[in-house]
């Protein structure tokens, strides 16, 4: 079994995507598979993804790193806008890397580096490092992020709701990886409702039993018949 890549005690989680208006998904597909082969948790968004979609996914997943390929000539805008959204959401620590072959000019690469983009891989980097070398470099940069750093949770001092995605994602990271006592202490500060009144339903079964299909149908009917109802859906796939 492939050993999981970790950083600060949490599995290394990577968002991969090809930029908006870009149908060139072969490169990011290859990088996705290499990230996975090196033990990373990968959330692959596919191609034609906007900066808001990519940044939102990184926030909701509490990711260590975002890897984007951009071959449509708008790399500067794509990377800087993604970085701006992450910074504004207090997720500026997320390592943002990417590339676009010769479509990203040397002066554009320098501009992006000056804008605190972690790394833009050039054709020269590809020749020198190779595919696995570039992925290893991205993993090394991402592994510097400690998602359990107590400073990340200093803002969790008052009740929050489900629409506060940055805070909810931090709580999920704590629930999955932190000491139970620490998690409960923070949970009591941010709890906005009495958890004892919330029913919990579990679904399990062998592969191919239809768990995902059943879950989809349940969510569809709950949303249709009870507009405005808030549901926490946690999916764990080993």
C-alpha atoms as a PDB file:
ATOM      1  CA  UNK A   1       0.000   0.000   0.000  1.00  0.00           C
ATOM      2  CA  UNK A   2       1.248   3.491  -0.889  1.00  0.00           C
ATOM      3  CA  UNK A   3       2.413   5.388   2.176  1.00  0.00           C
ATOM      4  CA  UNK A   4       0.546   8.659   2.658  1.00  0.00           C
ATOM      5  CA  UNK A   5       2.454  11.902   2.314  1.00  0.00           C
ATOM      6  CA  UNK A   6       2.060  14.053   5.423  1.00  0.00           C
ATOM      7  CA  UNK A   7       2.746  17.585   6.594  1.00  0.00           C
ATOM      8  CA  UNK A   8       2.473  18.671  10.212  1.00  0.00           C
ATOM      9  CA  UNK A   9       0.625  15.496  11.156  1.00  0.00           C
ATOM     10  CA  UNK A  10      -2.058  15.742   8.460  1.00  0.00           C
ATOM     11  CA  UNK A  11      -2.251  13.961   5.083  1.00  0.00           C
ATOM     12  CA  UNK A  12      -0.926  16.154   2.275  1.00  0.00           C
ATOM     13  CA  UNK A  13      -3.941  17.399   0.322  1.00  0.00           C
ATOM     14  CA  UNK A  14      -3.595  18.835  -3.194  1.00  0.00           C
ATOM     15  CA  UNK A  15      -6.141  20.585  -5.442  1.00  0.00           C
ATOM     16  CA  UNK A  16      -5.435  20.039  -9.160  1.00  0.00           C
ATOM     17  CA  UNK A  17      -7.120  21.835 -12.072  1.00  0.00           C
ATOM     18  CA  UNK A  18      -6.656  23.239 -15.550  1.00  0.00           C
ATOM     19  CA  UNK A  19      -7.465  26.936 -15.933  1.00  0.00           C
ATOM     20  CA  UNK A  20     -10.719  28.399 -17.192  1.00  0.00           C
ATOM     21  CA  UNK A  21     -11.183  28.415 -20.992  1.00  0.00           C
ATOM     22  CA  UNK A  22      -8.471  25.773 -21.171  1.00  0.00           C
ATOM     23  CA  UNK A  23      -9.320  22.331 -22.504  1.00  0.00           C
ATOM     24  CA  UNK A  24      -5.761  21.045 -22.266  1.00  0.00           C
ATOM     25  CA  UNK A  25      -6.247  18.560 -19.450  1.00  0.00           C
ATOM     26  CA  UNK A  26      -3.606  15.962 -20.351  1.00  0.00           C
ATOM     27  CA  UNK A  27      -0.806  17.630 -18.373  1.00  0.00           C
ATOM     28  CA  UNK A  28      -2.754  18.179 -15.160  1.00  0.00           C
ATOM     29  CA  UNK A  29      -4.098  14.631 -15.446  1.00  0.00           C
ATOM     30  CA  UNK A  30      -0.550  13.288 -15.485  1.00  0.00           C
ATOM     31  CA  UNK A  31       0.474  15.441 -12.524  1.00  0.00           C
ATOM     32  CA  UNK A  32      -2.619  14.321 -10.618  1.00  0.00           C
ATOM     33  CA  UNK A  33      -1.623  10.693 -11.007  1.00  0.00           C
ATOM     34  CA  UNK A  34       1.963  11.390  -9.929  1.00  0.00           C
ATOM     35  CA  UNK A  35       0.763  13.274  -6.837  1.00  0.00           C
ATOM     36  CA  UNK A  36      -1.418  10.287  -5.971  1.00  0.00           C
ATOM     37  CA  UNK A  37       1.412   7.811  -6.564  1.00  0.00           C
ATOM     38  CA  UNK A  38       3.498   9.775  -4.059  1.00  0.00           C
ATOM     39  CA  UNK A  39       0.863   9.399  -1.349  1.00  0.00           C
ATOM     40  CA  UNK A  40      -1.011  12.696  -1.617  1.00  0.00           C
ATOM     41  CA  UNK A  41      -4.745  13.145  -1.242  1.00  0.00           C
ATOM     42  CA  UNK A  42      -5.805  14.728  -4.547  1.00  0.00           C
ATOM     43  CA  UNK A  43      -9.024  16.606  -5.284  1.00  0.00           C
ATOM     44  CA  UNK A  44      -9.057  16.838  -9.082  1.00  0.00           C
ATOM     45  CA  UNK A  45     -11.365  19.515 -10.490  1.00  0.00           C
ATOM     46  CA  UNK A  46     -10.653  18.794 -14.152  1.00  0.00           C
ATOM     47  CA  UNK A  47     -10.361  21.415 -16.894  1.00  0.00           C
ATOM     48  CA  UNK A  48     -11.993  24.809 -17.562  1.00  0.00           C
ATOM     49  CA  UNK A  49     -12.024  25.843 -13.903  1.00  0.00           C
ATOM     50  CA  UNK A  50     -12.123  29.455 -12.785  1.00  0.00           C
ATOM     51  CA  UNK A  51     -10.043  31.015 -10.034  1.00  0.00           C
ATOM     52  CA  UNK A  52     -13.067  31.242  -7.746  1.00  0.00           C
ATOM     53  CA  UNK A  53     -13.813  27.525  -8.147  1.00  0.00           C
ATOM     54  CA  UNK A  54     -10.216  26.525  -7.489  1.00  0.00           C
ATOM     55  CA  UNK A  55      -9.792  28.801  -4.472  1.00  0.00           C
ATOM     56  CA  UNK A  56     -13.147  27.748  -3.030  1.00  0.00           C
ATOM     57  CA  UNK A  57     -12.173  24.086  -3.302  1.00  0.00           C
ATOM     58  CA  UNK A  58      -8.845  24.760  -1.573  1.00  0.00           C
ATOM     59  CA  UNK A  59     -10.644  26.531   1.267  1.00  0.00           C
ATOM     60  CA  UNK A  60     -13.391  23.943   1.674  1.00  0.00           C
ATOM     61  CA  UNK A  61     -10.899  21.057   1.588  1.00  0.00           C
ATOM     62  CA  UNK A  62      -8.356  22.891   3.785  1.00  0.00           C
ATOM     63  CA  UNK A  63      -5.686  21.955   1.248  1.00  0.00           C
ATOM     64  CA  UNK A  64      -1.929  22.320   1.551  1.00  0.00           C
ATOM     65  CA  UNK A  65      -1.385  23.103  -2.114  1.00  0.00           C
ATOM     66  CA  UNK A  66      -3.075  24.092  -5.378  1.00  0.00           C
ATOM     67  CA  UNK A  67      -1.569  22.962  -8.692  1.00  0.00           C
ATOM     68  CA  UNK A  68      -2.877  24.611 -11.881  1.00  0.00           C
ATOM     69  CA  UNK A  69      -1.961  24.227 -15.534  1.00  0.00           C
ATOM     70  CA  UNK A  70      -2.722  27.183 -17.804  1.00  0.00           C
ATOM     71  CA  UNK A  71      -2.098  27.012 -21.542  1.00  0.00           C
ATOM     72  CA  UNK A  72      -4.650  29.592 -22.732  1.00  0.00           C
ATOM     73  CA  UNK A  73      -2.541  32.743 -22.350  1.00  0.00           C
ATOM     74  CA  UNK A  74      -4.200  34.051 -19.195  1.00  0.00           C
ATOM     75  CA  UNK A  75      -1.905  32.536 -16.590  1.00  0.00           C
ATOM     76  CA  UNK A  76      -1.086  35.823 -14.858  1.00  0.00           C
ATOM     77  CA  UNK A  77      -4.750  36.610 -14.267  1.00  0.00           C
ATOM     78  CA  UNK A  78      -5.602  33.027 -13.279  1.00  0.00           C
ATOM     79  CA  UNK A  79      -2.876  32.676 -10.685  1.00  0.00           C
ATOM     80  CA  UNK A  80      -3.084  36.192  -9.234  1.00  0.00           C
ATOM     81  CA  UNK A  81      -6.876  36.039  -8.859  1.00  0.00           C
ATOM     82  CA  UNK A  82      -6.685  32.629  -7.191  1.00  0.00           C
ATOM     83  CA  UNK A  83      -4.025  33.950  -4.831  1.00  0.00           C
ATOM     84  CA  UNK A  84      -6.101  37.045  -4.062  1.00  0.00           C
ATOM     85  CA  UNK A  85      -9.151  34.989  -3.083  1.00  0.00           C
ATOM     86  CA  UNK A  86      -7.053  32.718  -0.868  1.00  0.00           C
ATOM     87  CA  UNK A  87      -5.414  35.698   0.850  1.00  0.00           C
ATOM     88  CA  UNK A  88      -8.746  37.429   1.465  1.00  0.00           C
ATOM     89  CA  UNK A  89     -10.089  34.253   3.093  1.00  0.00           C
ATOM     90  CA  UNK A  90      -7.080  33.941   5.424  1.00  0.00           C
ATOM     91  CA  UNK A  91      -5.799  30.979   3.411  1.00  0.00           C
ATOM     92  CA  UNK A  92      -2.722  32.690   2.047  1.00  0.00           C
ATOM     93  CA  UNK A  93      -0.596  29.857   3.416  1.00  0.00           C
ATOM     94  CA  UNK A  94      -1.806  27.526   0.638  1.00  0.00           C
ATOM     95  CA  UNK A  95       1.096  26.776  -1.691  1.00  0.00           C
ATOM     96  CA  UNK A  96       0.116  27.793  -5.239  1.00  0.00           C
ATOM     97  CA  UNK A  97       2.129  26.156  -8.029  1.00  0.00           C
ATOM     98  CA  UNK A  98       1.632  25.536 -11.715  1.00  0.00           C
ATOM     99  CA  UNK A  99       2.870  25.798 -15.240  1.00  0.00           C
ATOM    100  CA  UNK A 100       1.945  26.253 -18.853  1.00  0.00           C
ATOM    101  CA  UNK A 101       4.973  25.374 -20.909  1.00  0.00           C
ATOM    102  CA  UNK A 102       6.063  28.099 -23.303  1.00  0.00           C
ATOM    103  CA  UNK A 103       2.734  29.939 -23.039  1.00  0.00           C
ATOM    104  CA  UNK A 104       3.898  31.561 -19.789  1.00  0.00           C
ATOM    105  CA  UNK A 105       6.705  33.964 -20.661  1.00  0.00           C
ATOM    106  CA  UNK A 106       9.797  34.391 -18.440  1.00  0.00           C
ATOM    107  CA  UNK A 107       8.774  37.921 -17.443  1.00  0.00           C
ATOM    108  CA  UNK A 108       5.307  36.626 -16.520  1.00  0.00           C
ATOM    109  CA  UNK A 109       6.855  33.889 -14.398  1.00  0.00           C
ATOM    110  CA  UNK A 110       8.914  36.493 -12.553  1.00  0.00           C
ATOM    111  CA  UNK A 111       5.849  38.686 -12.084  1.00  0.00           C
ATOM    112  CA  UNK A 112       3.947  35.761 -10.550  1.00  0.00           C
ATOM    113  CA  UNK A 113       6.832  34.872  -8.251  1.00  0.00           C
ATOM    114  CA  UNK A 114       6.926  38.512  -7.125  1.00  0.00           C
ATOM    115  CA  UNK A 115       3.193  38.159  -6.392  1.00  0.00           C
ATOM    116  CA  UNK A 116       3.907  35.345  -3.896  1.00  0.00           C
ATOM    117  CA  UNK A 117       2.986  32.479  -6.190  1.00  0.00           C
ATOM    118  CA  UNK A 118       5.108  29.638  -4.794  1.00  0.00           C
ATOM    119  CA  UNK A 119       6.407  28.265  -8.100  1.00  0.00           C
ATOM    120  CA  UNK A 120       5.708  28.415 -11.828  1.00  0.00           C
ATOM    121  CA  UNK A 121       7.469  25.562 -13.580  1.00  0.00           C
ATOM    122  CA  UNK A 122       9.100  26.601 -16.854  1.00  0.00           C
ATOM    123  CA  UNK A 123      10.156  24.387 -19.785  1.00  0.00           C
ATOM    124  CA  UNK A 124      13.686  24.581 -18.340  1.00  0.00           C
ATOM    125  CA  UNK A 125      12.410  23.211 -15.023  1.00  0.00           C
ATOM    126  CA  UNK A 126      10.778  20.374 -16.907  1.00  0.00           C
ATOM    127  CA  UNK A 127      13.991  19.474 -18.688  1.00  0.00           C
ATOM    128  CA  UNK A 128      16.036  19.683 -15.497  1.00  0.00           C
ATOM    129  CA  UNK A 129      13.662  18.066 -12.997  1.00  0.00           C
ATOM    130  CA  UNK A 130      11.379  15.891 -15.081  1.00  0.00           C
ATOM    131  CA  UNK A 131       7.750  15.241 -14.194  1.00  0.00           C
ATOM    132  CA  UNK A 132       8.388  13.460 -10.901  1.00  0.00           C
ATOM    133  CA  UNK A 133      10.999  16.044  -9.953  1.00  0.00           C
ATOM    134  CA  UNK A 134       8.534  18.906 -10.370  1.00  0.00           C
ATOM    135  CA  UNK A 135       5.916  17.047  -8.341  1.00  0.00           C
ATOM    136  CA  UNK A 136       8.480  16.285  -5.622  1.00  0.00           C
ATOM    137  CA  UNK A 137       9.367  19.978  -5.505  1.00  0.00           C
ATOM    138  CA  UNK A 138       5.697  20.938  -5.185  1.00  0.00           C
ATOM    139  CA  UNK A 139       5.235  18.399  -2.383  1.00  0.00           C
ATOM    140  CA  UNK A 140       8.270  19.753  -0.548  1.00  0.00           C
ATOM    141  CA  UNK A 141       6.856  23.282  -0.724  1.00  0.00           C
ATOM    142  CA  UNK A 142       3.399  22.150   0.386  1.00  0.00           C
ATOM    143  CA  UNK A 143       4.748  20.082   3.277  1.00  0.00           C
ATOM    144  CA  UNK A 144       5.922  23.266   4.998  1.00  0.00           C
ATOM    145  CA  UNK A 145       2.282  24.071   5.791  1.00  0.00           C
ATOM    146  CA  UNK A 146       1.297  22.862   9.252  1.00  0.00           C
ATOM    147  CA  UNK A 147      -2.490  22.797   9.247  1.00  0.00           C
ATOM    148  CA  UNK A 148      -2.530  22.056  12.988  1.00  0.00           C
ATOM    149  CA  UNK A 149      -0.625  25.218  13.876  1.00  0.00           C
ATOM    150  CA  UNK A 150      -2.524  26.685  16.877  1.00  0.00           C
ATOM    151  CA  UNK A 151      -2.345  30.164  15.304  1.00  0.00           C
ATOM    152  CA  UNK A 152      -4.739  28.993  12.572  1.00  0.00           C
ATOM    153  CA  UNK A 153      -7.496  28.504  15.120  1.00  0.00           C
ATOM    154  CA  UNK A 154      -7.146  31.717  17.116  1.00  0.00           C
ATOM    155  CA  UNK A 155      -9.995  33.273  15.114  1.00  0.00           C
ATOM    156  CA  UNK A 156     -12.403  30.498  16.159  1.00  0.00           C
ATOM    157  CA  UNK A 157     -13.729  32.266  19.241  1.00  0.00           C
ATOM    158  CA  UNK A 158     -17.437  32.764  18.577  1.00  0.00           C
ATOM    159  CA  UNK A 159     -20.384  30.851  17.082  1.00  0.00           C
ATOM    160  CA  UNK A 160     -20.214  30.160  13.351  1.00  0.00           C
ATOM    161  CA  UNK A 161     -22.691  28.800  10.804  1.00  0.00           C
ATOM    162  CA  UNK A 162     -22.409  26.364   7.927  1.00  0.00           C
ATOM    163  CA  UNK A 163     -21.889  29.156   5.387  1.00  0.00           C
ATOM    164  CA  UNK A 164     -18.546  30.053   6.967  1.00  0.00           C
ATOM    165  CA  UNK A 165     -16.529  27.651   4.818  1.00  0.00           C
ATOM    166  CA  UNK A 166     -13.051  28.676   6.048  1.00  0.00           C
ATOM    167  CA  UNK A 167     -13.975  28.053   9.684  1.00  0.00           C
ATOM    168  CA  UNK A 168     -15.862  24.830   8.959  1.00  0.00           C
ATOM    169  CA  UNK A 169     -12.928  23.401   7.007  1.00  0.00           C
ATOM    170  CA  UNK A 170     -10.571  24.182   9.885  1.00  0.00           C
ATOM    171  CA  UNK A 171     -12.932  22.398  12.278  1.00  0.00           C
ATOM    172  CA  UNK A 172     -12.987  19.344  10.022  1.00  0.00           C
ATOM    173  CA  UNK A 173      -9.186  19.295   9.984  1.00  0.00           C
ATOM    174  CA  UNK A 174      -9.209  19.384  13.783  1.00  0.00           C
ATOM    175  CA  UNK A 175     -11.836  16.642  13.989  1.00  0.00           C
ATOM    176  CA  UNK A 176      -9.823  14.377  11.694  1.00  0.00           C
ATOM    177  CA  UNK A 177      -6.329  14.977  13.021  1.00  0.00           C
ATOM    178  CA  UNK A 178      -6.111  16.881  16.309  1.00  0.00           C
ATOM    179  CA  UNK A 179      -6.228  15.760  19.907  1.00  0.00           C
ATOM    180  CA  UNK A 180      -9.857  15.169  20.884  1.00  0.00           C
ATOM    181  CA  UNK A 181      -9.626  17.464  23.899  1.00  0.00           C
ATOM    182  CA  UNK A 182      -8.310  20.353  21.809  1.00  0.00           C
ATOM    183  CA  UNK A 183     -11.033  19.821  19.219  1.00  0.00           C
ATOM    184  CA  UNK A 184     -13.798  19.786  21.845  1.00  0.00           C
ATOM    185  CA  UNK A 185     -12.501  22.976  23.458  1.00  0.00           C
ATOM    186  CA  UNK A 186     -12.662  24.865  20.167  1.00  0.00           C
ATOM    187  CA  UNK A 187     -15.959  23.254  19.190  1.00  0.00           C
ATOM    188  CA  UNK A 188     -17.636  24.586  22.332  1.00  0.00           C
ATOM    189  CA  UNK A 189     -16.555  28.118  21.400  1.00  0.00           C
ATOM    190  CA  UNK A 190     -17.989  28.020  17.884  1.00  0.00           C
ATOM    191  CA  UNK A 191     -21.074  25.844  18.371  1.00  0.00           C
ATOM    192  CA  UNK A 192     -24.151  27.792  17.260  1.00  0.00           C
ATOM    193  CA  UNK A 193     -26.801  25.123  17.990  1.00  0.00           C
ATOM    194  CA  UNK A 194     -27.343  22.274  20.404  1.00  0.00           C
ATOM    195  CA  UNK A 195     -25.762  19.277  18.718  1.00  0.00           C
ATOM    196  CA  UNK A 196     -27.883  16.834  20.707  1.00  0.00           C
ATOM    197  CA  UNK A 197     -30.925  17.873  18.660  1.00  0.00           C
ATOM    198  CA  UNK A 198     -29.286  17.001  15.348  1.00  0.00           C
ATOM    199  CA  UNK A 199     -29.998  13.458  14.089  1.00  0.00           C
ATOM    200  CA  UNK A 200     -27.038  11.521  12.693  1.00  0.00           C
ATOM    201  CA  UNK A 201     -27.557   8.891   9.982  1.00  0.00           C
ATOM    202  CA  UNK A 202     -24.823   6.580   8.711  1.00  0.00           C
ATOM    203  CA  UNK A 203     -24.654   4.742   5.388  1.00  0.00           C
ATOM    204  CA  UNK A 204     -22.268   1.868   4.758  1.00  0.00           C
ATOM    205  CA  UNK A 205     -21.954  -1.136   2.492  1.00  0.00           C
ATOM    206  CA  UNK A 206     -19.672  -3.057   0.179  1.00  0.00           C
ATOM    207  CA  UNK A 207     -18.284  -1.562  -2.998  1.00  0.00           C
ATOM    208  CA  UNK A 208     -20.927  -1.167  -5.684  1.00  0.00           C
ATOM    209  CA  UNK A 209     -23.821  -1.490  -3.254  1.00  0.00           C
ATOM    210  CA  UNK A 210     -25.228   1.885  -4.326  1.00  0.00           C
ATOM    211  CA  UNK A 211     -24.252   4.089  -1.380  1.00  0.00           C
ATOM    212  CA  UNK A 212     -23.468   7.142  -3.515  1.00  0.00           C
ATOM    213  CA  UNK A 213     -26.654   6.820  -5.572  1.00  0.00           C
ATOM    214  CA  UNK A 214     -28.777   6.445  -2.444  1.00  0.00           C
ATOM    215  CA  UNK A 215     -27.077   9.439  -0.832  1.00  0.00           C
ATOM    216  CA  UNK A 216     -27.686  11.568  -3.940  1.00  0.00           C
ATOM    217  CA  UNK A 217     -31.368  10.681  -3.952  1.00  0.00           C
ATOM    218  CA  UNK A 218     -31.736  11.390  -0.231  1.00  0.00           C
ATOM    219  CA  UNK A 219     -30.074  14.801  -0.555  1.00  0.00           C
ATOM    220  CA  UNK A 220     -32.218  15.657  -3.587  1.00  0.00           C
ATOM    221  CA  UNK A 221     -35.444  14.857  -1.785  1.00  0.00           C
ATOM    222  CA  UNK A 222     -34.496  16.605   1.445  1.00  0.00           C
ATOM    223  CA  UNK A 223     -33.590  19.782  -0.434  1.00  0.00           C
ATOM    224  CA  UNK A 224     -36.715  19.591  -2.575  1.00  0.00           C
ATOM    225  CA  UNK A 225     -39.152  18.917   0.268  1.00  0.00           C
ATOM    226  CA  UNK A 226     -37.457  21.008   2.979  1.00  0.00           C
ATOM    227  CA  UNK A 227     -35.998  24.157   1.366  1.00  0.00           C
ATOM    228  CA  UNK A 228     -33.415  25.891   3.521  1.00  0.00           C
ATOM    229  CA  UNK A 229     -32.569  22.834   5.604  1.00  0.00           C
ATOM    230  CA  UNK A 230     -28.875  22.626   6.492  1.00  0.00           C
ATOM    231  CA  UNK A 231     -27.264  19.193   6.090  1.00  0.00           C
ATOM    232  CA  UNK A 232     -23.700  18.148   6.836  1.00  0.00           C
ATOM    233  CA  UNK A 233     -22.727  15.369   4.422  1.00  0.00           C
ATOM    234  CA  UNK A 234     -19.422  13.708   5.304  1.00  0.00           C
ATOM    235  CA  UNK A 235     -18.140  11.144   2.813  1.00  0.00           C
ATOM    236  CA  UNK A 236     -15.214   8.921   3.805  1.00  0.00           C
ATOM    237  CA  UNK A 237     -13.794   6.728   1.064  1.00  0.00           C
ATOM    238  CA  UNK A 238     -10.806   4.606   2.123  1.00  0.00           C
END
